[in-house]
Amino acid sequence: MLGKKGMEISINVIVMIILGLIMFSAAIAIFTNLFQGIKETELMISEQMRERLIRNFPTSELVFLPETTKSPQRKLFTTDNQVRFYVGIYNDKDTNMEFKLNIEPTEASRGAGLEQDKITYLKEPHMLGAKKRDIYVFIINIEGLESGKQYGAIVNVTREEGSDWVQHGRPRIAYVDLR
């Protein structure tokens, strides 16, 4: 049988272990939220930029607006490691609707090295008011991709109707030409 001092040490050790696990779990949760916030920040658009893009937004349901080129769906390689595209979505319905982006590399691009993890976008649904338009960002990380090739990403937008997600507009391909 353990003496009184032996019991005190055991209980103290158990309490310290439990407190250590709680603090470790809290630290993991804080860092996870911090890194999630960083990823979401790079997908944000300033209000001034959003307004400028919406003013130039055509009346179609879905459009790509690359950052620096006149061609609506193509972005030429720059010295950056990331290519940023803007996706405009127009809710042509008379009610508020939720929209979801799904962006993935084309089959040929996947074979050339463009993997899903090189494409960053907000995967959660976005609420859009009736007859309203909004702009969303997606980024293609081109670091490590071979130059002299063209890479494509299929952009598909779905909207929630009842309990189903249905196609909104037709899928489009955003191209990145590496020179």
N, C-alpha and C. Protein backbone atom coordinates (compact mmCIF):
# COMPACT_ATOMS: atom_id res chain seq x y z
N MET A 1 0.85 -1.18 0.00
CA MET A 1 0.00 0.00 0.00
C MET A 1 0.89 1.24 0.00
N LEU A 2 0.48 2.25 -0.77
CA LEU A 2 1.25 3.48 -0.86
C LEU A 2 1.00 4.34 0.36
N GLY A 3 2.06 5.05 0.79
CA GLY A 3 1.91 5.98 1.89
C GLY A 3 1.26 7.26 1.39
N LYS A 4 1.01 8.19 2.32
CA LYS A 4 0.37 9.45 1.98
C LYS A 4 1.19 10.25 0.97
N LYS A 5 2.53 10.29 1.14
CA LYS A 5 3.39 11.02 0.23
C LYS A 5 3.39 10.38 -1.16
N GLY A 6 3.35 9.08 -1.23
CA GLY A 6 3.31 8.38 -2.52
C GLY A 6 2.04 8.69 -3.29
N MET A 7 0.93 8.80 -2.63
CA MET A 7 -0.35 9.14 -3.26
C MET A 7 -0.33 10.56 -3.80
N GLU A 8 0.25 11.48 -3.02
CA GLU A 8 0.31 12.87 -3.45
C GLU A 8 1.12 13.03 -4.73
N ILE A 9 2.22 12.34 -4.83
CA ILE A 9 3.05 12.43 -6.03
C ILE A 9 2.29 11.86 -7.23
N SER A 10 1.62 10.77 -7.08
CA SER A 10 0.88 10.16 -8.18
C SER A 10 -0.22 11.08 -8.69
N ILE A 11 -0.96 11.66 -7.80
CA ILE A 11 -2.06 12.54 -8.19
C ILE A 11 -1.50 13.78 -8.87
N ASN A 12 -0.41 14.34 -8.33
CA ASN A 12 0.21 15.52 -8.94
C ASN A 12 0.70 15.22 -10.36
N VAL A 13 1.30 14.07 -10.56
CA VAL A 13 1.79 13.69 -11.89
C VAL A 13 0.62 13.55 -12.86
N ILE A 14 -0.44 12.92 -12.42
CA ILE A 14 -1.62 12.74 -13.27
C ILE A 14 -2.23 14.10 -13.63
N VAL A 15 -2.33 15.01 -12.67
CA VAL A 15 -2.87 16.33 -12.92
C VAL A 15 -1.98 17.09 -13.92
N MET A 16 -0.66 17.00 -13.76
CA MET A 16 0.27 17.67 -14.68
C MET A 16 0.14 17.11 -16.10
N ILE A 17 -0.01 15.82 -16.22
CA ILE A 17 -0.17 15.20 -17.54
C ILE A 17 -1.46 15.69 -18.20
N ILE A 18 -2.54 15.72 -17.46
CA ILE A 18 -3.82 16.18 -17.99
C ILE A 18 -3.73 17.65 -18.41
N LEU A 19 -3.13 18.49 -17.58
CA LEU A 19 -2.97 19.90 -17.93
C LEU A 19 -2.08 20.06 -19.17
N GLY A 20 -1.03 19.26 -19.26
CA GLY A 20 -0.16 19.31 -20.43
C GLY A 20 -0.90 18.95 -21.70
N LEU A 21 -1.74 17.92 -21.66
CA LEU A 21 -2.53 17.52 -22.83
C LEU A 21 -3.53 18.59 -23.23
N ILE A 22 -4.14 19.22 -22.25
CA ILE A 22 -5.09 20.30 -22.54
C ILE A 22 -4.38 21.47 -23.19
N MET A 23 -3.22 21.86 -22.68
CA MET A 23 -2.48 22.98 -23.25
C MET A 23 -1.97 22.64 -24.65
N PHE A 24 -1.53 21.41 -24.85
CA PHE A 24 -1.06 20.98 -26.18
C PHE A 24 -2.21 21.04 -27.19
N SER A 25 -3.37 20.56 -26.80
CA SER A 25 -4.55 20.59 -27.69
C SER A 25 -4.94 22.03 -28.02
N ALA A 26 -4.89 22.90 -27.04
CA ALA A 26 -5.23 24.31 -27.27
C ALA A 26 -4.23 24.95 -28.23
N ALA A 27 -2.95 24.64 -28.08
CA ALA A 27 -1.93 25.20 -28.98
C ALA A 27 -2.14 24.72 -30.41
N ILE A 28 -2.46 23.45 -30.59
CA ILE A 28 -2.72 22.91 -31.93
C ILE A 28 -3.92 23.62 -32.55
N ALA A 29 -4.98 23.82 -31.78
CA ALA A 29 -6.18 24.49 -32.30
C ALA A 29 -5.87 25.93 -32.70
N ILE A 30 -5.08 26.63 -31.90
CA ILE A 30 -4.73 28.02 -32.22
C ILE A 30 -3.93 28.08 -33.52
N PHE A 31 -2.91 27.24 -33.66
CA PHE A 31 -2.09 27.26 -34.87
C PHE A 31 -2.88 26.85 -36.10
N THR A 32 -3.79 25.90 -35.97
CA THR A 32 -4.62 25.49 -37.10
C THR A 32 -5.48 26.66 -37.57
N ASN A 33 -6.12 27.35 -36.63
CA ASN A 33 -6.95 28.50 -36.98
C ASN A 33 -6.12 29.63 -37.57
N LEU A 34 -4.92 29.83 -37.06
CA LEU A 34 -4.05 30.88 -37.57
C LEU A 34 -3.68 30.62 -39.02
N PHE A 35 -3.27 29.39 -39.35
CA PHE A 35 -2.89 29.08 -40.72
C PHE A 35 -4.09 29.08 -41.65
N GLN A 36 -5.25 28.68 -41.17
CA GLN A 36 -6.46 28.75 -41.98
C GLN A 36 -6.78 30.20 -42.30
N GLY A 37 -6.60 31.09 -41.32
CA GLY A 37 -6.83 32.52 -41.53
C GLY A 37 -5.87 33.11 -42.54
N ILE A 38 -4.63 32.67 -42.54
CA ILE A 38 -3.65 33.16 -43.52
C ILE A 38 -4.07 32.75 -44.92
N LYS A 39 -4.49 31.50 -45.10
CA LYS A 39 -4.90 31.01 -46.42
C LYS A 39 -6.12 31.80 -46.91
N GLU A 40 -7.09 32.06 -46.02
CA GLU A 40 -8.28 32.80 -46.42
C GLU A 40 -7.95 34.25 -46.74
N THR A 41 -6.96 34.84 -46.06
CA THR A 41 -6.59 36.23 -46.30
C THR A 41 -6.08 36.43 -47.72
N GLU A 42 -5.29 35.47 -48.23
CA GLU A 42 -4.78 35.64 -49.59
C GLU A 42 -5.88 35.49 -50.63
N LEU A 43 -7.04 34.99 -50.24
CA LEU A 43 -8.16 34.85 -51.16
C LEU A 43 -9.15 36.00 -51.04
N MET A 44 -8.82 37.00 -50.22
CA MET A 44 -9.71 38.14 -50.05
C MET A 44 -9.41 39.19 -51.11
N ILE A 45 -10.42 39.96 -51.46
CA ILE A 45 -10.28 41.05 -52.42
C ILE A 45 -10.65 42.34 -51.69
N SER A 46 -9.86 43.37 -51.90
CA SER A 46 -10.20 44.65 -51.27
C SER A 46 -11.53 45.14 -51.85
N GLU A 47 -12.24 45.91 -51.07
CA GLU A 47 -13.57 46.39 -51.49
C GLU A 47 -13.45 47.27 -52.74
N GLN A 48 -12.39 48.07 -52.83
CA GLN A 48 -12.18 48.93 -53.99
C GLN A 48 -11.95 48.09 -55.25
N MET A 49 -11.13 47.04 -55.13
CA MET A 49 -10.87 46.15 -56.26
C MET A 49 -12.14 45.40 -56.65
N ARG A 50 -12.90 44.95 -55.66
CA ARG A 50 -14.16 44.24 -55.93
C ARG A 50 -15.12 45.12 -56.73
N GLU A 51 -15.26 46.38 -56.31
CA GLU A 51 -16.16 47.30 -57.01
C GLU A 51 -15.70 47.54 -58.45
N ARG A 52 -14.39 47.70 -58.65
CA ARG A 52 -13.87 47.93 -60.01
C ARG A 52 -14.13 46.71 -60.90
N LEU A 53 -13.91 45.52 -60.36
CA LEU A 53 -14.13 44.31 -61.14
C LEU A 53 -15.62 44.11 -61.46
N ILE A 54 -16.48 44.38 -60.50
CA ILE A 54 -17.92 44.22 -60.73
C ILE A 54 -18.42 45.20 -61.79
N ARG A 55 -17.89 46.42 -61.80
CA ARG A 55 -18.27 47.39 -62.83
C ARG A 55 -17.93 46.88 -64.23
N ASN A 56 -16.83 46.15 -64.36
CA ASN A 56 -16.40 45.62 -65.66
C ASN A 56 -16.97 44.23 -65.94
N PHE A 57 -17.79 43.75 -65.05
CA PHE A 57 -18.32 42.39 -65.13
C PHE A 57 -19.35 42.31 -66.25
N PRO A 58 -19.17 41.39 -67.20
CA PRO A 58 -20.18 41.23 -68.24
C PRO A 58 -21.45 40.58 -67.67
N THR A 59 -22.47 40.49 -68.48
CA THR A 59 -23.75 39.97 -67.98
C THR A 59 -23.84 38.45 -68.00
N SER A 60 -22.80 37.75 -68.41
CA SER A 60 -22.86 36.28 -68.43
C SER A 60 -22.88 35.74 -67.00
N GLU A 61 -23.21 34.46 -66.86
CA GLU A 61 -23.32 33.86 -65.53
C GLU A 61 -21.98 33.66 -64.85
N LEU A 62 -20.93 33.41 -65.63
CA LEU A 62 -19.64 33.07 -65.05
C LEU A 62 -18.55 33.62 -65.94
N VAL A 63 -17.57 34.29 -65.36
CA VAL A 63 -16.49 34.87 -66.16
C VAL A 63 -15.21 34.87 -65.35
N PHE A 64 -14.06 34.70 -66.03
CA PHE A 64 -12.76 34.80 -65.38
C PHE A 64 -12.19 36.17 -65.66
N LEU A 65 -11.58 36.75 -64.66
CA LEU A 65 -10.96 38.05 -64.83
C LEU A 65 -9.52 37.95 -64.34
N PRO A 66 -8.59 37.54 -65.20
CA PRO A 66 -7.18 37.48 -64.76
C PRO A 66 -6.69 38.87 -64.37
N GLU A 67 -5.67 38.88 -63.55
CA GLU A 67 -5.19 40.12 -62.96
C GLU A 67 -4.63 41.12 -63.98
N THR A 68 -3.82 40.67 -64.94
CA THR A 68 -3.07 41.64 -65.73
C THR A 68 -3.18 41.48 -67.23
N THR A 69 -4.11 40.71 -67.72
CA THR A 69 -4.17 40.49 -69.16
C THR A 69 -5.56 40.83 -69.70
N LYS A 70 -5.63 41.21 -70.95
CA LYS A 70 -6.91 41.56 -71.56
C LYS A 70 -7.71 40.32 -71.93
N SER A 71 -7.03 39.24 -72.25
CA SER A 71 -7.72 38.00 -72.61
C SER A 71 -8.47 37.48 -71.39
N PRO A 72 -9.75 37.18 -71.50
CA PRO A 72 -10.55 36.91 -70.30
C PRO A 72 -10.23 35.62 -69.57
N GLN A 73 -9.57 34.66 -70.21
CA GLN A 73 -9.35 33.39 -69.52
C GLN A 73 -7.90 32.94 -69.52
N ARG A 74 -6.97 33.81 -69.85
CA ARG A 74 -5.59 33.39 -69.99
C ARG A 74 -4.67 34.29 -69.18
N LYS A 75 -3.68 33.71 -68.58
CA LYS A 75 -2.70 34.49 -67.81
C LYS A 75 -1.32 34.02 -68.22
N LEU A 76 -0.47 34.95 -68.62
CA LEU A 76 0.89 34.58 -69.00
C LEU A 76 1.78 34.54 -67.77
N PHE A 77 2.80 33.73 -67.87
CA PHE A 77 3.73 33.56 -66.76
C PHE A 77 4.42 34.87 -66.41
N THR A 78 4.53 35.12 -65.13
CA THR A 78 5.33 36.24 -64.65
C THR A 78 6.39 35.66 -63.73
N THR A 79 7.13 36.51 -63.06
CA THR A 79 8.17 36.01 -62.15
C THR A 79 7.58 35.52 -60.83
N ASP A 80 6.30 35.75 -60.60
CA ASP A 80 5.66 35.28 -59.37
C ASP A 80 5.53 33.76 -59.39
N ASN A 81 5.35 33.17 -58.22
CA ASN A 81 5.12 31.73 -58.12
C ASN A 81 3.64 31.40 -58.14
N GLN A 82 2.79 32.42 -58.14
CA GLN A 82 1.36 32.20 -58.12
C GLN A 82 0.68 33.01 -59.21
N VAL A 83 -0.34 32.43 -59.79
CA VAL A 83 -1.17 33.13 -60.78
C VAL A 83 -2.55 33.27 -60.15
N ARG A 84 -3.04 34.50 -60.12
CA ARG A 84 -4.30 34.81 -59.43
C ARG A 84 -5.37 35.08 -60.48
N PHE A 85 -6.51 34.40 -60.35
CA PHE A 85 -7.66 34.62 -61.21
C PHE A 85 -8.83 35.09 -60.36
N TYR A 86 -9.70 35.88 -60.97
CA TYR A 86 -10.94 36.28 -60.33
C TYR A 86 -12.08 35.59 -61.07
N VAL A 87 -13.03 35.06 -60.31
CA VAL A 87 -14.19 34.42 -60.90
C VAL A 87 -15.40 35.26 -60.55
N GLY A 88 -16.09 35.72 -61.57
CA GLY A 88 -17.31 36.48 -61.35
C GLY A 88 -18.50 35.56 -61.46
N ILE A 89 -19.41 35.65 -60.51
CA ILE A 89 -20.64 34.84 -60.54
C ILE A 89 -21.83 35.79 -60.48
N TYR A 90 -22.79 35.55 -61.34
CA TYR A 90 -24.02 36.35 -61.37
C TYR A 90 -25.18 35.45 -60.98
N ASN A 91 -25.92 35.85 -59.96
CA ASN A 91 -27.12 35.12 -59.55
C ASN A 91 -28.29 35.68 -60.35
N ASP A 92 -28.70 34.94 -61.37
CA ASP A 92 -29.77 35.40 -62.25
C ASP A 92 -31.16 35.06 -61.71
N LYS A 93 -31.23 34.46 -60.53
CA LYS A 93 -32.51 34.07 -59.92
C LYS A 93 -33.09 35.22 -59.09
N ASP A 94 -34.38 35.11 -58.78
CA ASP A 94 -35.07 36.14 -58.00
C ASP A 94 -34.98 35.92 -56.49
N THR A 95 -34.19 34.94 -56.06
CA THR A 95 -34.02 34.67 -54.63
C THR A 95 -32.54 34.56 -54.31
N ASN A 96 -32.22 34.71 -53.03
CA ASN A 96 -30.85 34.49 -52.58
C ASN A 96 -30.49 33.03 -52.82
N MET A 97 -29.26 32.77 -53.24
CA MET A 97 -28.84 31.39 -53.50
C MET A 97 -27.41 31.19 -53.01
N GLU A 98 -27.10 29.94 -52.67
CA GLU A 98 -25.73 29.59 -52.30
C GLU A 98 -25.03 29.03 -53.53
N PHE A 99 -23.79 29.47 -53.72
CA PHE A 99 -22.97 29.02 -54.84
C PHE A 99 -21.71 28.38 -54.31
N LYS A 100 -21.22 27.38 -55.04
CA LYS A 100 -20.00 26.69 -54.65
C LYS A 100 -19.07 26.59 -55.85
N LEU A 101 -17.80 26.92 -55.64
CA LEU A 101 -16.77 26.76 -56.67
C LEU A 101 -16.16 25.38 -56.57
N ASN A 102 -15.85 24.79 -57.72
CA ASN A 102 -15.08 23.56 -57.77
C ASN A 102 -14.06 23.76 -58.88
N ILE A 103 -12.79 23.77 -58.52
CA ILE A 103 -11.73 24.03 -59.49
C ILE A 103 -10.74 22.89 -59.42
N GLU A 104 -10.45 22.31 -60.59
CA GLU A 104 -9.49 21.20 -60.63
C GLU A 104 -8.71 21.24 -61.94
N PRO A 105 -7.49 20.68 -61.94
CA PRO A 105 -6.68 20.69 -63.16
C PRO A 105 -7.32 19.85 -64.26
N THR A 106 -7.09 20.24 -65.51
CA THR A 106 -7.53 19.39 -66.61
C THR A 106 -6.72 18.11 -66.58
N GLU A 107 -7.18 17.10 -67.27
CA GLU A 107 -6.48 15.81 -67.29
C GLU A 107 -5.06 15.96 -67.85
N ALA A 108 -4.93 16.73 -68.93
CA ALA A 108 -3.60 16.94 -69.53
C ALA A 108 -2.68 17.69 -68.56
N SER A 109 -3.21 18.67 -67.86
CA SER A 109 -2.41 19.45 -66.91
C SER A 109 -2.00 18.60 -65.72
N ARG A 110 -2.90 17.73 -65.28
CA ARG A 110 -2.58 16.83 -64.18
C ARG A 110 -1.41 15.93 -64.58
N GLY A 111 -1.44 15.45 -65.82
CA GLY A 111 -0.35 14.61 -66.31
C GLY A 111 0.96 15.37 -66.44
N ALA A 112 0.88 16.71 -66.60
CA ALA A 112 2.08 17.54 -66.74
C ALA A 112 2.58 18.07 -65.40
N GLY A 113 1.90 17.72 -64.30
CA GLY A 113 2.40 18.10 -62.99
C GLY A 113 1.55 19.07 -62.19
N LEU A 114 0.46 19.58 -62.75
CA LEU A 114 -0.41 20.49 -62.00
C LEU A 114 -1.38 19.64 -61.17
N GLU A 115 -1.14 19.58 -59.87
CA GLU A 115 -1.97 18.79 -58.97
C GLU A 115 -3.01 19.66 -58.28
N GLN A 116 -4.02 19.01 -57.73
CA GLN A 116 -5.12 19.71 -57.05
C GLN A 116 -4.60 20.59 -55.90
N ASP A 117 -3.57 20.14 -55.20
CA ASP A 117 -3.07 20.91 -54.06
C ASP A 117 -2.35 22.19 -54.48
N LYS A 118 -2.14 22.42 -55.77
CA LYS A 118 -1.54 23.66 -56.25
C LYS A 118 -2.61 24.72 -56.57
N ILE A 119 -3.87 24.35 -56.39
CA ILE A 119 -4.98 25.29 -56.66
C ILE A 119 -5.64 25.64 -55.33
N THR A 120 -5.69 26.93 -55.03
CA THR A 120 -6.24 27.39 -53.76
C THR A 120 -7.50 28.21 -54.03
N TYR A 121 -8.58 27.87 -53.35
CA TYR A 121 -9.83 28.64 -53.43
C TYR A 121 -10.68 28.30 -52.23
N LEU A 122 -11.65 29.14 -51.95
CA LEU A 122 -12.55 28.88 -50.82
C LEU A 122 -13.58 27.84 -51.25
N LYS A 123 -13.58 26.73 -50.57
CA LYS A 123 -14.44 25.62 -50.97
C LYS A 123 -15.83 25.67 -50.34
N GLU A 124 -16.01 26.55 -49.36
CA GLU A 124 -17.32 26.65 -48.71
C GLU A 124 -18.31 27.36 -49.64
N PRO A 125 -19.60 27.08 -49.48
CA PRO A 125 -20.61 27.78 -50.28
C PRO A 125 -20.64 29.27 -49.97
N HIS A 126 -21.01 30.07 -50.96
CA HIS A 126 -21.10 31.52 -50.83
C HIS A 126 -22.55 31.94 -51.10
N MET A 127 -23.14 32.73 -50.20
CA MET A 127 -24.49 33.24 -50.39
C MET A 127 -24.43 34.47 -51.28
N LEU A 128 -25.30 34.50 -52.28
CA LEU A 128 -25.33 35.62 -53.21
C LEU A 128 -26.78 36.06 -53.34
N GLY A 129 -27.02 37.36 -53.19
CA GLY A 129 -28.37 37.90 -53.24
C GLY A 129 -29.00 37.79 -54.62
N ALA A 130 -30.31 37.96 -54.68
CA ALA A 130 -31.06 37.89 -55.93
C ALA A 130 -30.58 38.95 -56.90
N LYS A 131 -30.32 38.53 -58.14
CA LYS A 131 -29.88 39.43 -59.22
C LYS A 131 -28.59 40.18 -58.86
N LYS A 132 -27.75 39.59 -58.03
CA LYS A 132 -26.49 40.21 -57.60
C LYS A 132 -25.31 39.49 -58.24
N ARG A 133 -24.19 40.19 -58.30
CA ARG A 133 -22.94 39.62 -58.81
C ARG A 133 -21.86 39.78 -57.75
N ASP A 134 -20.92 38.87 -57.77
CA ASP A 134 -19.79 38.98 -56.85
C ASP A 134 -18.57 38.34 -57.49
N ILE A 135 -17.41 38.65 -56.91
CA ILE A 135 -16.14 38.20 -57.44
C ILE A 135 -15.46 37.32 -56.39
N TYR A 136 -14.90 36.19 -56.83
CA TYR A 136 -14.17 35.27 -55.96
C TYR A 136 -12.79 35.03 -56.57
N VAL A 137 -11.84 34.64 -55.74
CA VAL A 137 -10.46 34.47 -56.17
C VAL A 137 -10.09 33.00 -56.17
N PHE A 138 -9.29 32.60 -57.17
CA PHE A 138 -8.57 31.34 -57.04
C PHE A 138 -7.15 31.54 -57.51
N ILE A 139 -6.24 30.78 -56.90
CA ILE A 139 -4.81 30.95 -57.14
C ILE A 139 -4.23 29.61 -57.60
N ILE A 140 -3.43 29.68 -58.66
CA ILE A 140 -2.71 28.49 -59.12
C ILE A 140 -1.24 28.71 -58.79
N ASN A 141 -0.68 27.80 -58.01
CA ASN A 141 0.73 27.84 -57.65
C ASN A 141 1.51 27.18 -58.77
N ILE A 142 2.37 27.94 -59.45
CA ILE A 142 3.09 27.41 -60.62
C ILE A 142 4.52 27.01 -60.28
N GLU A 143 4.88 27.10 -59.02
CA GLU A 143 6.23 26.73 -58.60
C GLU A 143 6.48 25.24 -58.91
N GLY A 144 7.57 24.97 -59.59
CA GLY A 144 7.94 23.59 -59.91
C GLY A 144 7.35 23.07 -61.21
N LEU A 145 6.49 23.86 -61.88
CA LEU A 145 5.92 23.42 -63.15
C LEU A 145 6.89 23.75 -64.28
N GLU A 146 6.90 22.93 -65.28
CA GLU A 146 7.82 23.08 -66.41
C GLU A 146 7.41 24.25 -67.30
N SER A 147 8.38 25.10 -67.66
CA SER A 147 8.07 26.23 -68.53
C SER A 147 7.94 25.75 -69.98
N GLY A 148 7.34 26.60 -70.81
CA GLY A 148 7.11 26.23 -72.20
C GLY A 148 5.86 25.41 -72.40
N LYS A 149 5.05 25.27 -71.36
CA LYS A 149 3.81 24.50 -71.45
C LYS A 149 2.63 25.35 -71.04
N GLN A 150 1.47 24.86 -71.41
CA GLN A 150 0.22 25.50 -71.01
C GLN A 150 -0.49 24.58 -70.02
N TYR A 151 -0.98 25.16 -68.94
CA TYR A 151 -1.70 24.41 -67.91
C TYR A 151 -3.11 24.97 -67.81
N GLY A 152 -4.06 24.10 -67.56
CA GLY A 152 -5.44 24.53 -67.47
C GLY A 152 -6.12 24.02 -66.21
N ALA A 153 -7.06 24.81 -65.73
CA ALA A 153 -7.88 24.42 -64.58
C ALA A 153 -9.34 24.61 -64.96
N ILE A 154 -10.12 23.57 -64.72
CA ILE A 154 -11.56 23.62 -65.01
C ILE A 154 -12.27 24.28 -63.84
N VAL A 155 -13.03 25.33 -64.14
CA VAL A 155 -13.78 26.05 -63.12
C VAL A 155 -15.25 25.72 -63.31
N ASN A 156 -15.82 25.13 -62.29
CA ASN A 156 -17.20 24.70 -62.32
C ASN A 156 -17.92 25.36 -61.15
N VAL A 157 -19.08 25.95 -61.40
CA VAL A 157 -19.86 26.59 -60.34
C VAL A 157 -21.20 25.87 -60.24
N THR A 158 -21.56 25.52 -59.02
CA THR A 158 -22.87 24.91 -58.78
C THR A 158 -23.64 25.81 -57.82
N ARG A 159 -24.97 25.71 -57.89
CA ARG A 159 -25.81 26.47 -56.97
C ARG A 159 -26.77 25.50 -56.29
N GLU A 160 -27.15 25.89 -55.09
CA GLU A 160 -28.04 25.03 -54.31
C GLU A 160 -29.49 25.31 -54.69
N GLU A 161 -30.17 24.26 -55.09
CA GLU A 161 -31.61 24.36 -55.37
C GLU A 161 -32.29 23.26 -54.57
N GLY A 162 -32.97 23.67 -53.52
CA GLY A 162 -33.58 22.70 -52.62
C GLY A 162 -32.47 21.94 -51.89
N SER A 163 -32.47 20.64 -52.02
CA SER A 163 -31.44 19.84 -51.36
C SER A 163 -30.35 19.39 -52.33
N ASP A 164 -30.41 19.84 -53.58
CA ASP A 164 -29.43 19.44 -54.59
C ASP A 164 -28.55 20.61 -55.00
N TRP A 165 -27.37 20.26 -55.52
CA TRP A 165 -26.46 21.24 -56.12
C TRP A 165 -26.52 21.02 -57.62
N VAL A 166 -26.88 22.08 -58.37
CA VAL A 166 -27.01 21.97 -59.82
C VAL A 166 -26.00 22.89 -60.50
N GLN A 167 -25.68 22.56 -61.74
CA GLN A 167 -24.73 23.33 -62.54
C GLN A 167 -25.22 24.76 -62.73
N HIS A 168 -24.33 25.73 -62.56
CA HIS A 168 -24.65 27.14 -62.80
C HIS A 168 -23.76 27.61 -63.95
N GLY A 169 -24.35 27.88 -65.07
CA GLY A 169 -23.54 28.23 -66.24
C GLY A 169 -22.84 26.98 -66.76
N ARG A 170 -21.91 27.19 -67.65
CA ARG A 170 -21.16 26.04 -68.14
C ARG A 170 -19.74 26.10 -67.60
N PRO A 171 -19.12 24.96 -67.38
CA PRO A 171 -17.73 24.97 -66.89
C PRO A 171 -16.82 25.69 -67.89
N ARG A 172 -15.82 26.35 -67.38
CA ARG A 172 -14.85 27.06 -68.20
C ARG A 172 -13.46 26.59 -67.82
N ILE A 173 -12.49 26.88 -68.67
CA ILE A 173 -11.10 26.52 -68.37
C ILE A 173 -10.27 27.80 -68.30
N ALA A 174 -9.55 27.96 -67.21
CA ALA A 174 -8.60 29.07 -67.08
C ALA A 174 -7.23 28.52 -67.43
N TYR A 175 -6.52 29.20 -68.31
CA TYR A 175 -5.22 28.73 -68.77
C TYR A 175 -4.09 29.56 -68.20
N VAL A 176 -2.97 28.89 -67.95
CA VAL A 176 -1.73 29.55 -67.56
C VAL A 176 -0.68 29.10 -68.57
N ASP A 177 -0.11 30.06 -69.31
CA ASP A 177 0.95 29.77 -70.27
C ASP A 177 2.28 30.08 -69.60
N LEU A 178 3.10 29.07 -69.39
CA LEU A 178 4.43 29.30 -68.81
C LEU A 178 5.42 29.51 -69.93
N ARG A 179 6.13 30.61 -69.90
CA ARG A 179 7.11 30.95 -70.96
C ARG A 179 8.51 30.86 -70.42
